[in-house]
Amino acid sequence: MLNRYRVTGGAHIKLSDFPTGIDDKIKRMKDELVTRTQENLEKMEALQEKLYAQGEEGLVIVLQAMDAAGKDSTVSHVMGGFNPQGVSVHSFKAPSVEELAHDFLWRIAAQLPPRGQIAIFNRSHYEDVLVVKVHHLQATYRMPKRCLTHGFIQRRYSHIRHFEDYLFDNGYRVIKLFLHMSNETQRKRLLARIDTPDKHWKYSSSDLPERELWGDYQQAYEDAINHTATEHSPWFVIPSDKKWFSRYLVSEALVDTLLAMAPEYPEVTPQALAKMDGDREQLMSEAKAGEAKA
């Protein structure tokens, strides 16, 4: 089922060809898929422990979506299956003055995890070909004119591809999850934020002006996916009108990626095993001595 939503750059895609909702067949599978999600969380925990113990490869999970698509709840309900000891979560908001004074990948590179660990990026370097593109923010950048000429966004696609290739060559996997939501679902979720006091904190006065640019953002996402999807750094276009189904697919994508990484516990040398045998004898003798005193 997951392959239907995987984009690896082999062919040009249109977002309109990907569903945001579910059909009757999937709806009838809800109980089964919710159970599978829980099973996947257990698999993720076991695979992550091996990844951490081996310490050879790192994983970067990129979450991108329109407002109210469920990025935060995906982090808590799916990535919550990971041991927090080996996971970091970073939310990339509008860049600070310091961040704008550096190259656009500077703040991203600073949050890469050590190999053996996992980083979750809630928004990411892709903001520089999404919100920047939609609002033409590059016109406000303090950069040489030669950097701001025609083709600015196209060059950023190239920089991102090369950056992710560089990470792959240095022992990292990058998977990118686009939570694909319908315009109507966003409308309902924004209304829920207004009508539910406990959700008021999630609502922003900028939500409606950004919503008016829906078509521009959909095109920006489509372009970004087409220009940056590769076999080793794929995109997954996840239907997100039903959160239980999107969480199932995200858990499938994470298990699939971790299995491809094939982490294993480090092998123990014969010398280390012999030392353990000696240590066992010492610990057992301590126990016997304690019993004798008792």
C-alpha atoms as a PDB file:
ATOM      1  CA  MET A   1       0.000   0.000   0.000  1.00  0.00           C
ATOM      2  CA  LEU A   2       2.846   2.381   0.873  1.00  0.00           C
ATOM      3  CA  ASN A   3       4.360   2.342  -2.623  1.00  0.00           C
ATOM      4  CA  ARG A   4       1.281   4.134  -3.963  1.00  0.00           C
ATOM      5  CA  TYR A   5       2.357   7.214  -2.015  1.00  0.00           C
ATOM      6  CA  ARG A   6       6.142   7.029  -2.506  1.00  0.00           C
ATOM      7  CA  VAL A   7       7.815   9.475  -4.930  1.00  0.00           C
ATOM      8  CA  THR A   8      11.408   8.765  -5.956  1.00  0.00           C
ATOM      9  CA  GLY A   9      11.877  11.112  -8.890  1.00  0.00           C
ATOM     10  CA  GLY A  10      11.478   8.527 -11.614  1.00  0.00           C
ATOM     11  CA  ALA A  11       8.507  10.318 -13.160  1.00  0.00           C
ATOM     12  CA  HIS A  12       6.874  13.746 -12.918  1.00  0.00           C
ATOM     13  CA  ILE A  13       3.940  13.720 -10.488  1.00  0.00           C
ATOM     14  CA  LYS A  14       0.898  15.929 -10.022  1.00  0.00           C
ATOM     15  CA  LEU A  15      -0.424  16.400  -6.501  1.00  0.00           C
ATOM     16  CA  SER A  16      -3.966  16.281  -7.828  1.00  0.00           C
ATOM     17  CA  ASP A  17      -3.359  12.620  -8.708  1.00  0.00           C
ATOM     18  CA  PHE A  18      -2.795  11.773  -5.049  1.00  0.00           C
ATOM     19  CA  PRO A  19      -5.785  11.335  -2.724  1.00  0.00           C
ATOM     20  CA  THR A  20      -6.228  13.363   0.430  1.00  0.00           C
ATOM     21  CA  GLY A  21      -8.941  11.081   1.788  1.00  0.00           C
ATOM     22  CA  ILE A  22      -9.755   7.372   1.858  1.00  0.00           C
ATOM     23  CA  ASP A  23     -12.049   5.099  -0.126  1.00  0.00           C
ATOM     24  CA  ASP A  24     -14.621   2.642   1.239  1.00  0.00           C
ATOM     25  CA  LYS A  25     -12.158  -0.267   1.119  1.00  0.00           C
ATOM     26  CA  ILE A  26      -9.678   1.530   3.374  1.00  0.00           C
ATOM     27  CA  LYS A  27     -12.487   2.737   5.624  1.00  0.00           C
ATOM     28  CA  ARG A  28     -13.528  -0.883   6.242  1.00  0.00           C
ATOM     29  CA  MET A  29      -9.923  -1.668   7.223  1.00  0.00           C
ATOM     30  CA  LYS A  30      -9.754   0.964   9.971  1.00  0.00           C
ATOM     31  CA  ASP A  31      -9.582  -1.410  12.953  1.00  0.00           C
ATOM     32  CA  GLU A  32      -6.954  -3.544  11.230  1.00  0.00           C
ATOM     33  CA  LEU A  33      -4.805  -0.562  10.238  1.00  0.00           C
ATOM     34  CA  VAL A  34      -5.016   1.024  13.687  1.00  0.00           C
ATOM     35  CA  THR A  35      -3.760  -2.278  15.118  1.00  0.00           C
ATOM     36  CA  ARG A  36      -0.983  -2.392  12.522  1.00  0.00           C
ATOM     37  CA  THR A  37       0.028   1.142  13.482  1.00  0.00           C
ATOM     38  CA  GLN A  38       0.540   0.046  17.076  1.00  0.00           C
ATOM     39  CA  GLU A  39       2.544  -2.957  15.887  1.00  0.00           C
ATOM     40  CA  ASN A  40       4.678  -0.631  13.760  1.00  0.00           C
ATOM     41  CA  LEU A  41       5.427   1.543  16.778  1.00  0.00           C
ATOM     42  CA  GLU A  42       6.798  -1.523  18.538  1.00  0.00           C
ATOM     43  CA  LYS A  43       8.902  -2.408  15.477  1.00  0.00           C
ATOM     44  CA  MET A  44      10.192   1.174  15.342  1.00  0.00           C
ATOM     45  CA  GLU A  45      11.300   1.016  18.961  1.00  0.00           C
ATOM     46  CA  ALA A  46      13.181  -2.261  18.421  1.00  0.00           C
ATOM     47  CA  LEU A  47      14.850  -1.064  15.211  1.00  0.00           C
ATOM     48  CA  GLN A  48      15.769   2.266  16.783  1.00  0.00           C
ATOM     49  CA  GLU A  49      17.549   0.488  19.634  1.00  0.00           C
ATOM     50  CA  LYS A  50      19.709  -1.369  17.114  1.00  0.00           C
ATOM     51  CA  LEU A  51      20.334   1.864  15.193  1.00  0.00           C
ATOM     52  CA  TYR A  52      21.468   3.596  18.393  1.00  0.00           C
ATOM     53  CA  ALA A  53      23.651   0.671  19.480  1.00  0.00           C
ATOM     54  CA  GLN A  54      25.321   0.345  16.082  1.00  0.00           C
ATOM     55  CA  GLY A  55      25.910   4.086  15.666  1.00  0.00           C
ATOM     56  CA  GLU A  56      26.706   3.855  11.944  1.00  0.00           C
ATOM     57  CA  GLU A  57      23.789   5.605  10.255  1.00  0.00           C
ATOM     58  CA  GLY A  58      21.531   8.527  11.132  1.00  0.00           C
ATOM     59  CA  LEU A  59      17.942   9.263  10.100  1.00  0.00           C
ATOM     60  CA  VAL A  60      16.390  12.638   9.295  1.00  0.00           C
ATOM     61  CA  ILE A  61      12.587  12.744   9.055  1.00  0.00           C
ATOM     62  CA  VAL A  62      11.197  15.840   7.334  1.00  0.00           C
ATOM     63  CA  LEU A  63       7.556  16.782   7.971  1.00  0.00           C
ATOM     64  CA  GLN A  64       5.976  19.340   5.654  1.00  0.00           C
ATOM     65  CA  ALA A  65       2.323  20.324   5.309  1.00  0.00           C
ATOM     66  CA  MET A  66      -0.189  23.117   5.112  1.00  0.00           C
ATOM     67  CA  ASP A  67      -1.408  24.487   8.449  1.00  0.00           C
ATOM     68  CA  ALA A  68      -3.706  22.098  10.372  1.00  0.00           C
ATOM     69  CA  ALA A  69      -2.631  19.010   8.417  1.00  0.00           C
ATOM     70  CA  GLY A  70      -1.459  17.273  11.597  1.00  0.00           C
ATOM     71  CA  LYS A  71       2.316  17.674  11.820  1.00  0.00           C
ATOM     72  CA  ASP A  72       2.391  18.082  15.606  1.00  0.00           C
ATOM     73  CA  SER A  73       0.002  15.196  16.263  1.00  0.00           C
ATOM     74  CA  THR A  74       1.999  12.981  13.896  1.00  0.00           C
ATOM     75  CA  VAL A  75       5.129  13.690  15.940  1.00  0.00           C
ATOM     76  CA  SER A  76       3.376  12.838  19.202  1.00  0.00           C
ATOM     77  CA  HIS A  77       1.333   9.828  18.035  1.00  0.00           C
ATOM     78  CA  VAL A  78       3.796   8.148  15.665  1.00  0.00           C
ATOM     79  CA  MET A  79       7.303   9.375  16.485  1.00  0.00           C
ATOM     80  CA  GLY A  80       6.322   8.919  20.133  1.00  0.00           C
ATOM     81  CA  GLY A  81       7.082   5.259  19.473  1.00  0.00           C
ATOM     82  CA  PHE A  82      10.778   6.086  19.513  1.00  0.00           C
ATOM     83  CA  ASN A  83      12.920   6.154  22.639  1.00  0.00           C
ATOM     84  CA  PRO A  84      13.404   9.889  23.309  1.00  0.00           C
ATOM     85  CA  GLN A  85      17.018   9.242  24.328  1.00  0.00           C
ATOM     86  CA  GLY A  86      17.943   8.847  20.663  1.00  0.00           C
ATOM     87  CA  VAL A  87      15.594  11.381  19.065  1.00  0.00           C
ATOM     88  CA  SER A  88      15.567  15.162  18.671  1.00  0.00           C
ATOM     89  CA  VAL A  89      12.682  17.275  17.360  1.00  0.00           C
ATOM     90  CA  HIS A  90      13.260  20.658  15.736  1.00  0.00           C
ATOM     91  CA  SER A  91      10.609  23.123  14.575  1.00  0.00           C
ATOM     92  CA  PHE A  92      11.903  25.533  11.950  1.00  0.00           C
ATOM     93  CA  LYS A  93       9.889  28.726  12.042  1.00  0.00           C
ATOM     94  CA  ALA A  94      10.604  32.015  10.254  1.00  0.00           C
ATOM     95  CA  PRO A  95      14.408  32.443  10.296  1.00  0.00           C
ATOM     96  CA  SER A  96      15.931  34.759  12.894  1.00  0.00           C
ATOM     97  CA  VAL A  97      18.197  37.690  12.059  1.00  0.00           C
ATOM     98  CA  GLU A  98      21.223  35.515  12.838  1.00  0.00           C
ATOM     99  CA  GLU A  99      19.947  32.687  10.624  1.00  0.00           C
ATOM    100  CA  LEU A 100      19.268  35.059   7.736  1.00  0.00           C
ATOM    101  CA  ALA A 101      22.864  36.236   7.971  1.00  0.00           C
ATOM    102  CA  HIS A 102      24.031  32.713   7.041  1.00  0.00           C
ATOM    103  CA  ASP A 103      23.388  30.394   4.102  1.00  0.00           C
ATOM    104  CA  PHE A 104      19.911  28.861   4.152  1.00  0.00           C
ATOM    105  CA  LEU A 105      21.166  25.387   5.100  1.00  0.00           C
ATOM    106  CA  TRP A 106      23.195  26.651   8.060  1.00  0.00           C
ATOM    107  CA  ARG A 107      20.427  26.296  10.624  1.00  0.00           C
ATOM    108  CA  ILE A 108      19.503  22.872   9.236  1.00  0.00           C
ATOM    109  CA  ALA A 109      23.023  21.460   9.358  1.00  0.00           C
ATOM    110  CA  ALA A 110      23.333  22.620  12.972  1.00  0.00           C
ATOM    111  CA  GLN A 111      20.492  20.284  13.981  1.00  0.00           C
ATOM    112  CA  LEU A 112      21.662  17.114  12.263  1.00  0.00           C
ATOM    113  CA  PRO A 113      21.811  14.208  14.720  1.00  0.00           C
ATOM    114  CA  PRO A 114      24.902  12.134  15.462  1.00  0.00           C
ATOM    115  CA  ARG A 115      24.944   8.871  13.515  1.00  0.00           C
ATOM    116  CA  GLY A 116      22.915   6.323  15.413  1.00  0.00           C
ATOM    117  CA  GLN A 117      20.226   8.870  16.252  1.00  0.00           C
ATOM    118  CA  ILE A 118      17.100  10.328  14.647  1.00  0.00           C
ATOM    119  CA  ALA A 119      16.131  13.939  14.005  1.00  0.00           C
ATOM    120  CA  ILE A 120      12.561  14.994  13.266  1.00  0.00           C
ATOM    121  CA  PHE A 121      12.248  18.283  11.399  1.00  0.00           C
ATOM    122  CA  ASN A 122       8.836  19.918  11.796  1.00  0.00           C
ATOM    123  CA  ARG A 123       9.203  22.101   8.704  1.00  0.00           C
ATOM    124  CA  SER A 124      12.706  22.238   7.317  1.00  0.00           C
ATOM    125  CA  HIS A 125      15.043  23.492   4.582  1.00  0.00           C
ATOM    126  CA  TYR A 126      12.060  23.093   2.250  1.00  0.00           C
ATOM    127  CA  GLU A 127      10.563  26.300   3.600  1.00  0.00           C
ATOM    128  CA  ASP A 128      13.103  28.037   1.349  1.00  0.00           C
ATOM    129  CA  VAL A 129      11.358  26.695  -1.754  1.00  0.00           C
ATOM    130  CA  LEU A 130       7.828  26.908  -0.345  1.00  0.00           C
ATOM    131  CA  VAL A 131       6.965  30.032   1.660  1.00  0.00           C
ATOM    132  CA  VAL A 132       9.935  31.883   0.140  1.00  0.00           C
ATOM    133  CA  LYS A 133       8.719  30.998  -3.349  1.00  0.00           C
ATOM    134  CA  VAL A 134       5.047  31.818  -2.702  1.00  0.00           C
ATOM    135  CA  HIS A 135       5.822  35.190  -1.094  1.00  0.00           C
ATOM    136  CA  HIS A 136       8.940  36.011  -3.184  1.00  0.00           C
ATOM    137  CA  LEU A 137      10.853  36.596   0.048  1.00  0.00           C
ATOM    138  CA  GLN A 138      14.207  36.347  -1.677  1.00  0.00           C
ATOM    139  CA  ALA A 139      13.644  39.948  -2.797  1.00  0.00           C
ATOM    140  CA  THR A 140      14.165  40.990   0.849  1.00  0.00           C
ATOM    141  CA  TYR A 141      17.435  39.094   1.338  1.00  0.00           C
ATOM    142  CA  ARG A 142      20.687  40.948   1.941  1.00  0.00           C
ATOM    143  CA  MET A 143      22.667  39.090  -0.686  1.00  0.00           C
ATOM    144  CA  PRO A 144      24.680  40.079  -3.776  1.00  0.00           C
ATOM    145  CA  LYS A 145      22.542  40.774  -6.831  1.00  0.00           C
ATOM    146  CA  ARG A 146      24.223  37.901  -8.655  1.00  0.00           C
ATOM    147  CA  CYS A 147      22.608  35.542  -6.128  1.00  0.00           C
ATOM    148  CA  LEU A 148      19.107  36.928  -6.625  1.00  0.00           C
ATOM    149  CA  THR A 149      18.879  36.667 -10.384  1.00  0.00           C
ATOM    150  CA  HIS A 150      16.344  34.646 -12.356  1.00  0.00           C
ATOM    151  CA  GLY A 151      16.481  30.975 -11.387  1.00  0.00           C
ATOM    152  CA  PHE A 152      16.896  31.554  -7.639  1.00  0.00           C
ATOM    153  CA  ILE A 153      14.393  28.825  -6.659  1.00  0.00           C
ATOM    154  CA  GLN A 154      15.697  26.403  -9.281  1.00  0.00           C
ATOM    155  CA  ARG A 155      19.180  26.718  -7.820  1.00  0.00           C
ATOM    156  CA  ARG A 156      17.803  26.068  -4.344  1.00  0.00           C
ATOM    157  CA  TYR A 157      16.248  22.824  -5.567  1.00  0.00           C
ATOM    158  CA  SER A 158      19.714  21.870  -6.783  1.00  0.00           C
ATOM    159  CA  HIS A 159      21.324  22.852  -3.472  1.00  0.00           C
ATOM    160  CA  ILE A 160      18.785  20.726  -1.570  1.00  0.00           C
ATOM    161  CA  ARG A 161      19.349  17.690  -3.777  1.00  0.00           C
ATOM    162  CA  HIS A 162      23.109  17.997  -3.398  1.00  0.00           C
ATOM    163  CA  PHE A 163      22.767  18.509   0.372  1.00  0.00           C
ATOM    164  CA  GLU A 164      20.701  15.347   0.720  1.00  0.00           C
ATOM    165  CA  ASP A 165      23.125  13.447  -1.527  1.00  0.00           C
ATOM    166  CA  TYR A 166      25.929  14.680   0.712  1.00  0.00           C
ATOM    167  CA  LEU A 167      24.103  13.431   3.800  1.00  0.00           C
ATOM    168  CA  PHE A 168      23.502  10.036   2.215  1.00  0.00           C
ATOM    169  CA  ASP A 169      27.195   9.766   1.360  1.00  0.00           C
ATOM    170  CA  ASN A 170      28.020  10.567   4.985  1.00  0.00           C
ATOM    171  CA  GLY A 171      25.807   7.925   6.568  1.00  0.00           C
ATOM    172  CA  TYR A 172      22.381   9.571   6.774  1.00  0.00           C
ATOM    173  CA  ARG A 173      18.981   8.741   5.335  1.00  0.00           C
ATOM    174  CA  VAL A 174      16.500  11.547   4.676  1.00  0.00           C
ATOM    175  CA  ILE A 175      12.810  10.778   4.208  1.00  0.00           C
ATOM    176  CA  LYS A 176      10.314  13.511   3.485  1.00  0.00           C
ATOM    177  CA  LEU A 177       6.661  13.315   4.487  1.00  0.00           C
ATOM    178  CA  PHE A 178       4.118  15.654   2.908  1.00  0.00           C
ATOM    179  CA  LEU A 179       0.810  15.484   4.784  1.00  0.00           C
ATOM    180  CA  HIS A 180      -1.595  15.971   1.877  1.00  0.00           C
ATOM    181  CA  MET A 181      -4.847  17.537   3.088  1.00  0.00           C
ATOM    182  CA  SER A 182      -7.896  18.828   1.210  1.00  0.00           C
ATOM    183  CA  ASN A 183      -8.918  22.463   1.257  1.00  0.00           C
ATOM    184  CA  GLU A 184     -12.223  21.520   2.907  1.00  0.00           C
ATOM    185  CA  THR A 185     -10.511  19.567   5.679  1.00  0.00           C
ATOM    186  CA  GLN A 186      -8.314  22.547   6.458  1.00  0.00           C
ATOM    187  CA  ARG A 187     -11.388  24.782   6.627  1.00  0.00           C
ATOM    188  CA  LYS A 188     -13.029  22.456   9.181  1.00  0.00           C
ATOM    189  CA  ARG A 189      -9.888  22.155  11.276  1.00  0.00           C
ATOM    190  CA  LEU A 190      -9.326  25.909  11.370  1.00  0.00           C
ATOM    191  CA  LEU A 191     -12.959  26.362  12.443  1.00  0.00           C
ATOM    192  CA  ALA A 192     -12.386  23.793  15.203  1.00  0.00           C
ATOM    193  CA  ARG A 193      -9.453  25.876  16.441  1.00  0.00           C
ATOM    194  CA  ILE A 194     -11.712  28.915  16.650  1.00  0.00           C
ATOM    195  CA  ASP A 195     -14.659  27.090  18.229  1.00  0.00           C
ATOM    196  CA  THR A 196     -12.712  25.022  20.785  1.00  0.00           C
ATOM    197  CA  PRO A 197     -11.139  27.002  23.650  1.00  0.00           C
ATOM    198  CA  ASP A 198      -8.460  24.348  24.205  1.00  0.00           C
ATOM    199  CA  LYS A 199      -7.343  24.852  20.594  1.00  0.00           C
ATOM    200  CA  HIS A 200      -7.288  28.660  20.550  1.00  0.00           C
ATOM    201  CA  TRP A 201      -3.524  28.641  21.093  1.00  0.00           C
ATOM    202  CA  LYS A 202      -3.102  26.852  17.763  1.00  0.00           C
ATOM    203  CA  TYR A 203      -4.936  29.507  15.780  1.00  0.00           C
ATOM    204  CA  SER A 204      -3.006  32.334  14.147  1.00  0.00           C
ATOM    205  CA  SER A 205      -4.284  35.488  12.503  1.00  0.00           C
ATOM    206  CA  SER A 206      -2.052  34.591   9.544  1.00  0.00           C
ATOM    207  CA  ASP A 207      -3.892  31.321   8.881  1.00  0.00           C
ATOM    208  CA  LEU A 208      -6.585  32.832   6.652  1.00  0.00           C
ATOM    209  CA  PRO A 209      -4.287  35.003   4.487  1.00  0.00           C
ATOM    210  CA  GLU A 210      -2.087  31.936   3.933  1.00  0.00           C
ATOM    211  CA  ARG A 211      -5.172  29.863   3.125  1.00  0.00           C
ATOM    212  CA  GLU A 212      -6.050  32.297   0.336  1.00  0.00           C
ATOM    213  CA  LEU A 213      -2.770  31.234  -1.312  1.00  0.00           C
ATOM    214  CA  TRP A 214      -3.773  27.564  -1.301  1.00  0.00           C
ATOM    215  CA  GLY A 215      -3.277  27.080  -5.046  1.00  0.00           C
ATOM    216  CA  ASP A 216       0.157  28.724  -4.971  1.00  0.00           C
ATOM    217  CA  TYR A 217       1.272  26.500  -2.111  1.00  0.00           C
ATOM    218  CA  GLN A 218      -0.004  23.341  -3.784  1.00  0.00           C
ATOM    219  CA  GLN A 219       2.005  24.221  -6.881  1.00  0.00           C
ATOM    220  CA  ALA A 220       5.059  25.004  -4.752  1.00  0.00           C
ATOM    221  CA  TYR A 221       4.822  21.630  -3.017  1.00  0.00           C
ATOM    222  CA  GLU A 222       4.358  19.823  -6.319  1.00  0.00           C
ATOM    223  CA  ASP A 223       7.408  21.553  -7.788  1.00  0.00           C
ATOM    224  CA  ALA A 224       9.539  20.876  -4.717  1.00  0.00           C
ATOM    225  CA  ILE A 225       8.627  17.191  -4.685  1.00  0.00           C
ATOM    226  CA  ASN A 226       9.346  16.786  -8.394  1.00  0.00           C
ATOM    227  CA  HIS A 227      12.715  18.530  -8.165  1.00  0.00           C
ATOM    228  CA  THR A 228      14.034  16.839  -5.005  1.00  0.00           C
ATOM    229  CA  ALA A 229      12.635  13.300  -4.818  1.00  0.00           C
ATOM    230  CA  THR A 230      15.314  10.607  -5.238  1.00  0.00           C
ATOM    231  CA  GLU A 231      15.581   6.879  -4.570  1.00  0.00           C
ATOM    232  CA  HIS A 232      17.595   7.377  -1.389  1.00  0.00           C
ATOM    233  CA  SER A 233      15.751  10.545  -0.238  1.00  0.00           C
ATOM    234  CA  PRO A 234      12.142   9.913  -1.271  1.00  0.00           C
ATOM    235  CA  TRP A 235       9.000  11.899  -0.661  1.00  0.00           C
ATOM    236  CA  PHE A 236       5.831  10.297   0.677  1.00  0.00           C
ATOM    237  CA  VAL A 237       2.589  12.073  -0.233  1.00  0.00           C
ATOM    238  CA  ILE A 238       0.452  11.020   2.738  1.00  0.00           C
ATOM    239  CA  PRO A 239      -3.372  11.384   2.584  1.00  0.00           C
ATOM    240  CA  SER A 240      -4.176  13.350   5.729  1.00  0.00           C
ATOM    241  CA  ASP A 241      -7.906  14.014   5.815  1.00  0.00           C
ATOM    242  CA  LYS A 242      -8.204  11.056   8.216  1.00  0.00           C
ATOM    243  CA  LYS A 243      -5.488  11.223  10.842  1.00  0.00           C
ATOM    244  CA  TRP A 244      -5.675   7.540  11.786  1.00  0.00           C
ATOM    245  CA  PHE A 245      -4.839   6.599   8.192  1.00  0.00           C
ATOM    246  CA  SER A 246      -2.044   9.148   7.812  1.00  0.00           C
ATOM    247  CA  ARG A 247      -0.496   7.893  11.055  1.00  0.00           C
ATOM    248  CA  TYR A 248      -0.619   4.333   9.744  1.00  0.00           C
ATOM    249  CA  LEU A 249       1.148   5.310   6.503  1.00  0.00           C
ATOM    250  CA  VAL A 250       3.775   7.371   8.343  1.00  0.00           C
ATOM    251  CA  SER A 251       4.491   4.426  10.633  1.00  0.00           C
ATOM    252  CA  GLU A 252       4.800   2.183   7.558  1.00  0.00           C
ATOM    253  CA  ALA A 253       7.247   4.631   5.934  1.00  0.00           C
ATOM    254  CA  LEU A 254       9.398   4.753   9.064  1.00  0.00           C
ATOM    255  CA  VAL A 255       9.483   0.977   9.515  1.00  0.00           C
ATOM    256  CA  ASP A 256      10.238   0.536   5.810  1.00  0.00           C
ATOM    257  CA  THR A 257      13.149   2.993   6.038  1.00  0.00           C
ATOM    258  CA  LEU A 258      14.586   1.501   9.207  1.00  0.00           C
ATOM    259  CA  LEU A 259      14.392  -2.004   7.731  1.00  0.00           C
ATOM    260  CA  ALA A 260      16.252  -0.760   4.646  1.00  0.00           C
ATOM    261  CA  MET A 261      18.951   0.630   6.952  1.00  0.00           C
ATOM    262  CA  ALA A 262      19.168  -2.874   8.474  1.00  0.00           C
ATOM    263  CA  PRO A 263      20.728  -1.874  11.810  1.00  0.00           C
ATOM    264  CA  GLU A 264      22.209  -4.653  13.943  1.00  0.00           C
ATOM    265  CA  TYR A 265      23.662  -4.813  17.418  1.00  0.00           C
ATOM    266  CA  PRO A 266      27.473  -4.556  17.306  1.00  0.00           C
ATOM    267  CA  GLU A 267      29.270  -7.888  17.330  1.00  0.00           C
ATOM    268  CA  VAL A 268      31.040  -8.729  20.554  1.00  0.00           C
ATOM    269  CA  THR A 269      34.620  -9.972  20.183  1.00  0.00           C
ATOM    270  CA  PRO A 270      35.705 -13.316  21.655  1.00  0.00           C
ATOM    271  CA  GLN A 271      37.940 -11.385  24.056  1.00  0.00           C
ATOM    272  CA  ALA A 272      34.978  -9.348  25.303  1.00  0.00           C
ATOM    273  CA  LEU A 273      32.877 -12.499  25.713  1.00  0.00           C
ATOM    274  CA  ALA A 274      35.679 -14.100  27.730  1.00  0.00           C
ATOM    275  CA  LYS A 275      35.854 -11.008  29.937  1.00  0.00           C
ATOM    276  CA  MET A 276      32.080 -11.225  30.475  1.00  0.00           C
ATOM    277  CA  ASP A 277      32.460 -14.817  31.644  1.00  0.00           C
ATOM    278  CA  GLY A 278      35.012 -13.683  34.192  1.00  0.00           C
ATOM    279  CA  ASP A 279      32.818 -10.800  35.300  1.00  0.00           C
ATOM    280  CA  ARG A 280      29.866 -13.197  35.680  1.00  0.00           C
ATOM    281  CA  GLU A 281      31.901 -15.382  37.987  1.00  0.00           C
ATOM    282  CA  GLN A 282      32.844 -12.367  40.089  1.00  0.00           C
ATOM    283  CA  LEU A 283      29.240 -11.196  40.359  1.00  0.00           C
ATOM    284  CA  MET A 284      28.038 -14.701  41.248  1.00  0.00           C
ATOM    285  CA  SER A 285      30.724 -15.051  43.920  1.00  0.00           C
ATOM    286  CA  GLU A 286      29.610 -11.743  45.420  1.00  0.00           C
ATOM    287  CA  ALA A 287      26.078 -13.098  45.653  1.00  0.00           C
ATOM    288  CA  LYS A 288      27.285 -16.311  47.333  1.00  0.00           C
ATOM    289  CA  ALA A 289      29.376 -14.315  49.792  1.00  0.00           C
ATOM    290  CA  GLY A 290      26.342 -12.233  50.664  1.00  0.00           C
ATOM    291  CA  GLU A 291      24.235 -15.320  51.263  1.00  0.00           C
ATOM    292  CA  ALA A 292      26.934 -16.791  53.479  1.00  0.00           C
ATOM    293  CA  LYS A 293      27.016 -13.686  55.671  1.00  0.00           C
ATOM    294  CA  ALA A 294      23.238 -13.734  55.943  1.00  0.00           C
END
